[in-house]
Structure formats: structure tokens, C-alpha cells
Amino acid sequence: MPKFVTIGYGDQAGYDSTAAEVRDAAHAHDAKLLEGGAVMGIAGRPVQVRRPDGGDVTAQSGSFLSSTLPVAGFAVIEAATLEEAVELVSHTPCAVGHGVVEVWPLQETP
């Protein structure tokens, strides 16, 4: 089955402004995704890693990309199609809590 990487963006204010029953339903939906084999996690602090031309490794704190909303978490889900993946993530806390979720098709390498 195809896999998709999802990136959820959202902030506490958006989450808090969402009705409790909507948030609860979103968390219950996440629990079902986890039971079905999804891998989910809350975003920690990122580190940028570089090793130009195979030389010295440099690592610095901070994200490479920027967004108006902070990264809240990541998941790897399975779905038959991109449309199904979109439907699955449309019920998650970031999607319903005034955030956004990106869905990236994952093309696994052999």
C-alpha cells in the first residue's frame, strides 16, 4: 500500500479556539490511525545537517524552512490513493484546529 508523509502545522491558539468535542474527535481519529499502523510524533527541535562535497559535517539548530505556523508533528500513513490520504488527515487535530497538514507521497527507494 502506498505511504504518505504528513506534516502538521498549528499553534496553541488555533487548537484552543476549536470546540472541545471537535478536538476530542480529532484525537480519537489519530488513535485509530495509530491502531492501523500509522507512525506519528510531535515535532521536536530541528537540526540542519550539511556536509558539502563529503567534507566536514556541520549541524546547526533551527529549521531550514519557515512557516507562519510552527511545525506541530509528523506522521507516516498508508492509503490507497492521495485522495484517501487527504481524507484521513482532514480529521486530525492540526487540520481541524485552524492549522494545516501537508501530505507528501513517499516513493520508497529499494
C-alpha atoms as a PDB file:
ATOM      1  CA  MET A   1       0.000   0.000   0.000  1.00  0.00           C
ATOM      2  CA  PRO A   2       1.350   3.493  -0.793  1.00  0.00           C
ATOM      3  CA  LYS A   3       2.773   5.529   2.082  1.00  0.00           C
ATOM      4  CA  PHE A   4       2.458   9.238   2.710  1.00  0.00           C
ATOM      5  CA  VAL A   5       4.466  11.545   4.954  1.00  0.00           C
ATOM      6  CA  THR A   6       2.341  14.176   6.645  1.00  0.00           C
ATOM      7  CA  ILE A   7       3.496  17.372   8.303  1.00  0.00           C
ATOM      8  CA  GLY A   8       1.082  19.105  10.627  1.00  0.00           C
ATOM      9  CA  TYR A   9       1.355  22.816  11.338  1.00  0.00           C
ATOM     10  CA  GLY A  10      -0.581  24.560  14.066  1.00  0.00           C
ATOM     11  CA  ASP A  11      -0.347  26.693  17.143  1.00  0.00           C
ATOM     12  CA  GLN A  12      -1.842  26.518  20.598  1.00  0.00           C
ATOM     13  CA  ALA A  13      -4.166  29.477  19.964  1.00  0.00           C
ATOM     14  CA  GLY A  14      -5.800  27.771  16.987  1.00  0.00           C
ATOM     15  CA  TYR A  15      -6.070  24.497  18.861  1.00  0.00           C
ATOM     16  CA  ASP A  16      -7.584  26.200  21.926  1.00  0.00           C
ATOM     17  CA  SER A  17     -10.130  28.062  19.797  1.00  0.00           C
ATOM     18  CA  THR A  18     -11.507  24.770  18.449  1.00  0.00           C
ATOM     19  CA  ALA A  19     -14.517  23.290  20.232  1.00  0.00           C
ATOM     20  CA  ALA A  20     -13.547  20.572  22.724  1.00  0.00           C
ATOM     21  CA  GLU A  21     -15.765  17.969  21.053  1.00  0.00           C
ATOM     22  CA  VAL A  22     -14.091  18.618  17.691  1.00  0.00           C
ATOM     23  CA  ARG A  23     -10.636  18.286  19.277  1.00  0.00           C
ATOM     24  CA  ASP A  24     -11.675  15.100  21.082  1.00  0.00           C
ATOM     25  CA  ALA A  25     -12.969  13.578  17.847  1.00  0.00           C
ATOM     26  CA  ALA A  26      -9.700  14.517  16.113  1.00  0.00           C
ATOM     27  CA  HIS A  27      -7.628  12.832  18.823  1.00  0.00           C
ATOM     28  CA  ALA A  28      -9.846   9.742  18.626  1.00  0.00           C
ATOM     29  CA  HIS A  29      -9.255   9.711  14.871  1.00  0.00           C
ATOM     30  CA  ASP A  30      -5.483   9.888  15.442  1.00  0.00           C
ATOM     31  CA  ALA A  31      -5.760   6.950  17.846  1.00  0.00           C
ATOM     32  CA  LYS A  32      -7.476   4.911  15.105  1.00  0.00           C
ATOM     33  CA  LEU A  33      -4.713   5.838  12.644  1.00  0.00           C
ATOM     34  CA  LEU A  34      -2.116   4.672  15.178  1.00  0.00           C
ATOM     35  CA  GLU A  35      -4.002   1.409  15.733  1.00  0.00           C
ATOM     36  CA  GLY A  36      -3.974   0.933  11.955  1.00  0.00           C
ATOM     37  CA  GLY A  37      -0.189   1.184  11.788  1.00  0.00           C
ATOM     38  CA  ALA A  38       0.475   4.892  11.265  1.00  0.00           C
ATOM     39  CA  VAL A  39       3.648   6.268  12.797  1.00  0.00           C
ATOM     40  CA  MET A  40       3.070   9.635  14.493  1.00  0.00           C
ATOM     41  CA  GLY A  41       5.078  12.004  16.591  1.00  0.00           C
ATOM     42  CA  ILE A  42       5.214  15.516  17.938  1.00  0.00           C
ATOM     43  CA  ALA A  43       7.869  17.707  16.364  1.00  0.00           C
ATOM     44  CA  GLY A  44      10.957  18.332  18.462  1.00  0.00           C
ATOM     45  CA  ARG A  45      13.619  20.927  17.793  1.00  0.00           C
ATOM     46  CA  PRO A  46      15.124  20.567  14.311  1.00  0.00           C
ATOM     47  CA  VAL A  47      18.790  20.474  13.383  1.00  0.00           C
ATOM     48  CA  GLN A  48      20.124  21.311   9.927  1.00  0.00           C
ATOM     49  CA  VAL A  49      22.903  18.995   8.773  1.00  0.00           C
ATOM     50  CA  ARG A  50      25.310  19.783   5.964  1.00  0.00           C
ATOM     51  CA  ARG A  51      28.373  18.029   4.572  1.00  0.00           C
ATOM     52  CA  PRO A  52      29.324  19.827   1.362  1.00  0.00           C
ATOM     53  CA  ASP A  53      31.326  17.704  -1.049  1.00  0.00           C
ATOM     54  CA  GLY A  54      31.705  14.989   1.592  1.00  0.00           C
ATOM     55  CA  GLY A  55      33.828  17.271   3.778  1.00  0.00           C
ATOM     56  CA  ASP A  56      33.277  18.382   7.330  1.00  0.00           C
ATOM     57  CA  VAL A  57      29.867  17.903   8.906  1.00  0.00           C
ATOM     58  CA  THR A  58      28.151  20.993  10.225  1.00  0.00           C
ATOM     59  CA  ALA A  59      24.995  20.963  12.293  1.00  0.00           C
ATOM     60  CA  GLN A  60      23.083  23.983  13.486  1.00  0.00           C
ATOM     61  CA  SER A  61      19.887  24.332  15.436  1.00  0.00           C
ATOM     62  CA  GLY A  62      16.808  25.594  13.663  1.00  0.00           C
ATOM     63  CA  SER A  63      14.639  24.733  10.731  1.00  0.00           C
ATOM     64  CA  PHE A  64      15.576  25.287   7.128  1.00  0.00           C
ATOM     65  CA  LEU A  65      12.052  26.196   6.038  1.00  0.00           C
ATOM     66  CA  SER A  66       9.873  28.771   7.724  1.00  0.00           C
ATOM     67  CA  SER A  67       6.120  28.996   8.087  1.00  0.00           C
ATOM     68  CA  THR A  68       3.597  31.312   9.693  1.00  0.00           C
ATOM     69  CA  LEU A  69       2.574  28.348  11.862  1.00  0.00           C
ATOM     70  CA  PRO A  70       5.015  26.152  13.774  1.00  0.00           C
ATOM     71  CA  VAL A  71       5.507  22.513  12.823  1.00  0.00           C
ATOM     72  CA  ALA A  72       3.435  20.506  15.278  1.00  0.00           C
ATOM     73  CA  GLY A  73       4.093  16.916  14.230  1.00  0.00           C
ATOM     74  CA  PHE A  74       4.746  14.295  11.627  1.00  0.00           C
ATOM     75  CA  ALA A  75       3.166  11.029  10.564  1.00  0.00           C
ATOM     76  CA  VAL A  76       3.667   8.267   8.052  1.00  0.00           C
ATOM     77  CA  ILE A  77       0.341   6.823   6.949  1.00  0.00           C
ATOM     78  CA  GLU A  78      -0.787   4.272   4.390  1.00  0.00           C
ATOM     79  CA  ALA A  79      -3.600   4.963   1.950  1.00  0.00           C
ATOM     80  CA  ALA A  80      -4.613   3.549  -1.412  1.00  0.00           C
ATOM     81  CA  THR A  81      -4.600   6.972  -3.078  1.00  0.00           C
ATOM     82  CA  LEU A  82      -3.623  10.571  -2.430  1.00  0.00           C
ATOM     83  CA  GLU A  83      -7.315  11.382  -2.131  1.00  0.00           C
ATOM     84  CA  GLU A  84      -7.722   8.796   0.627  1.00  0.00           C
ATOM     85  CA  ALA A  85      -4.661  10.177   2.431  1.00  0.00           C
ATOM     86  CA  VAL A  86      -6.157  13.681   2.251  1.00  0.00           C
ATOM     87  CA  GLU A  87      -9.437  12.395   3.675  1.00  0.00           C
ATOM     88  CA  LEU A  88      -7.609  10.617   6.518  1.00  0.00           C
ATOM     89  CA  VAL A  89      -5.630  13.677   7.593  1.00  0.00           C
ATOM     90  CA  SER A  90      -8.588  16.034   7.218  1.00  0.00           C
ATOM     91  CA  HIS A  91      -9.860  14.741  10.575  1.00  0.00           C
ATOM     92  CA  THR A  92      -6.626  15.263  12.547  1.00  0.00           C
ATOM     93  CA  PRO A  93      -6.053  17.911  15.233  1.00  0.00           C
ATOM     94  CA  CYS A  94      -3.934  20.209  13.040  1.00  0.00           C
ATOM     95  CA  ALA A  95      -6.487  20.136  10.224  1.00  0.00           C
ATOM     96  CA  VAL A  96      -9.484  20.872  12.437  1.00  0.00           C
ATOM     97  CA  GLY A  97      -7.639  23.156  14.875  1.00  0.00           C
ATOM     98  CA  HIS A  98      -7.066  26.048  12.449  1.00  0.00           C
ATOM     99  CA  GLY A  99      -3.746  24.646  11.244  1.00  0.00           C
ATOM    100  CA  VAL A 100      -2.791  22.818   8.084  1.00  0.00           C
ATOM    101  CA  VAL A 101      -1.468  19.388   7.156  1.00  0.00           C
ATOM    102  CA  GLU A 102       0.796  18.741   4.191  1.00  0.00           C
ATOM    103  CA  VAL A 103       0.603  15.315   2.551  1.00  0.00           C
ATOM    104  CA  TRP A 104       3.702  14.116   0.706  1.00  0.00           C
ATOM    105  CA  PRO A 105       3.582  10.882  -1.320  1.00  0.00           C
ATOM    106  CA  LEU A 106       6.548   8.767  -0.230  1.00  0.00           C
ATOM    107  CA  GLN A 107       8.336   6.991  -3.044  1.00  0.00           C
ATOM    108  CA  GLU A 108      10.363   4.390  -1.202  1.00  0.00           C
ATOM    109  CA  THR A 109      13.781   3.546  -2.553  1.00  0.00           C
ATOM    110  CA  PRO A 110      14.863  -0.065  -2.885  1.00  0.00           C
END
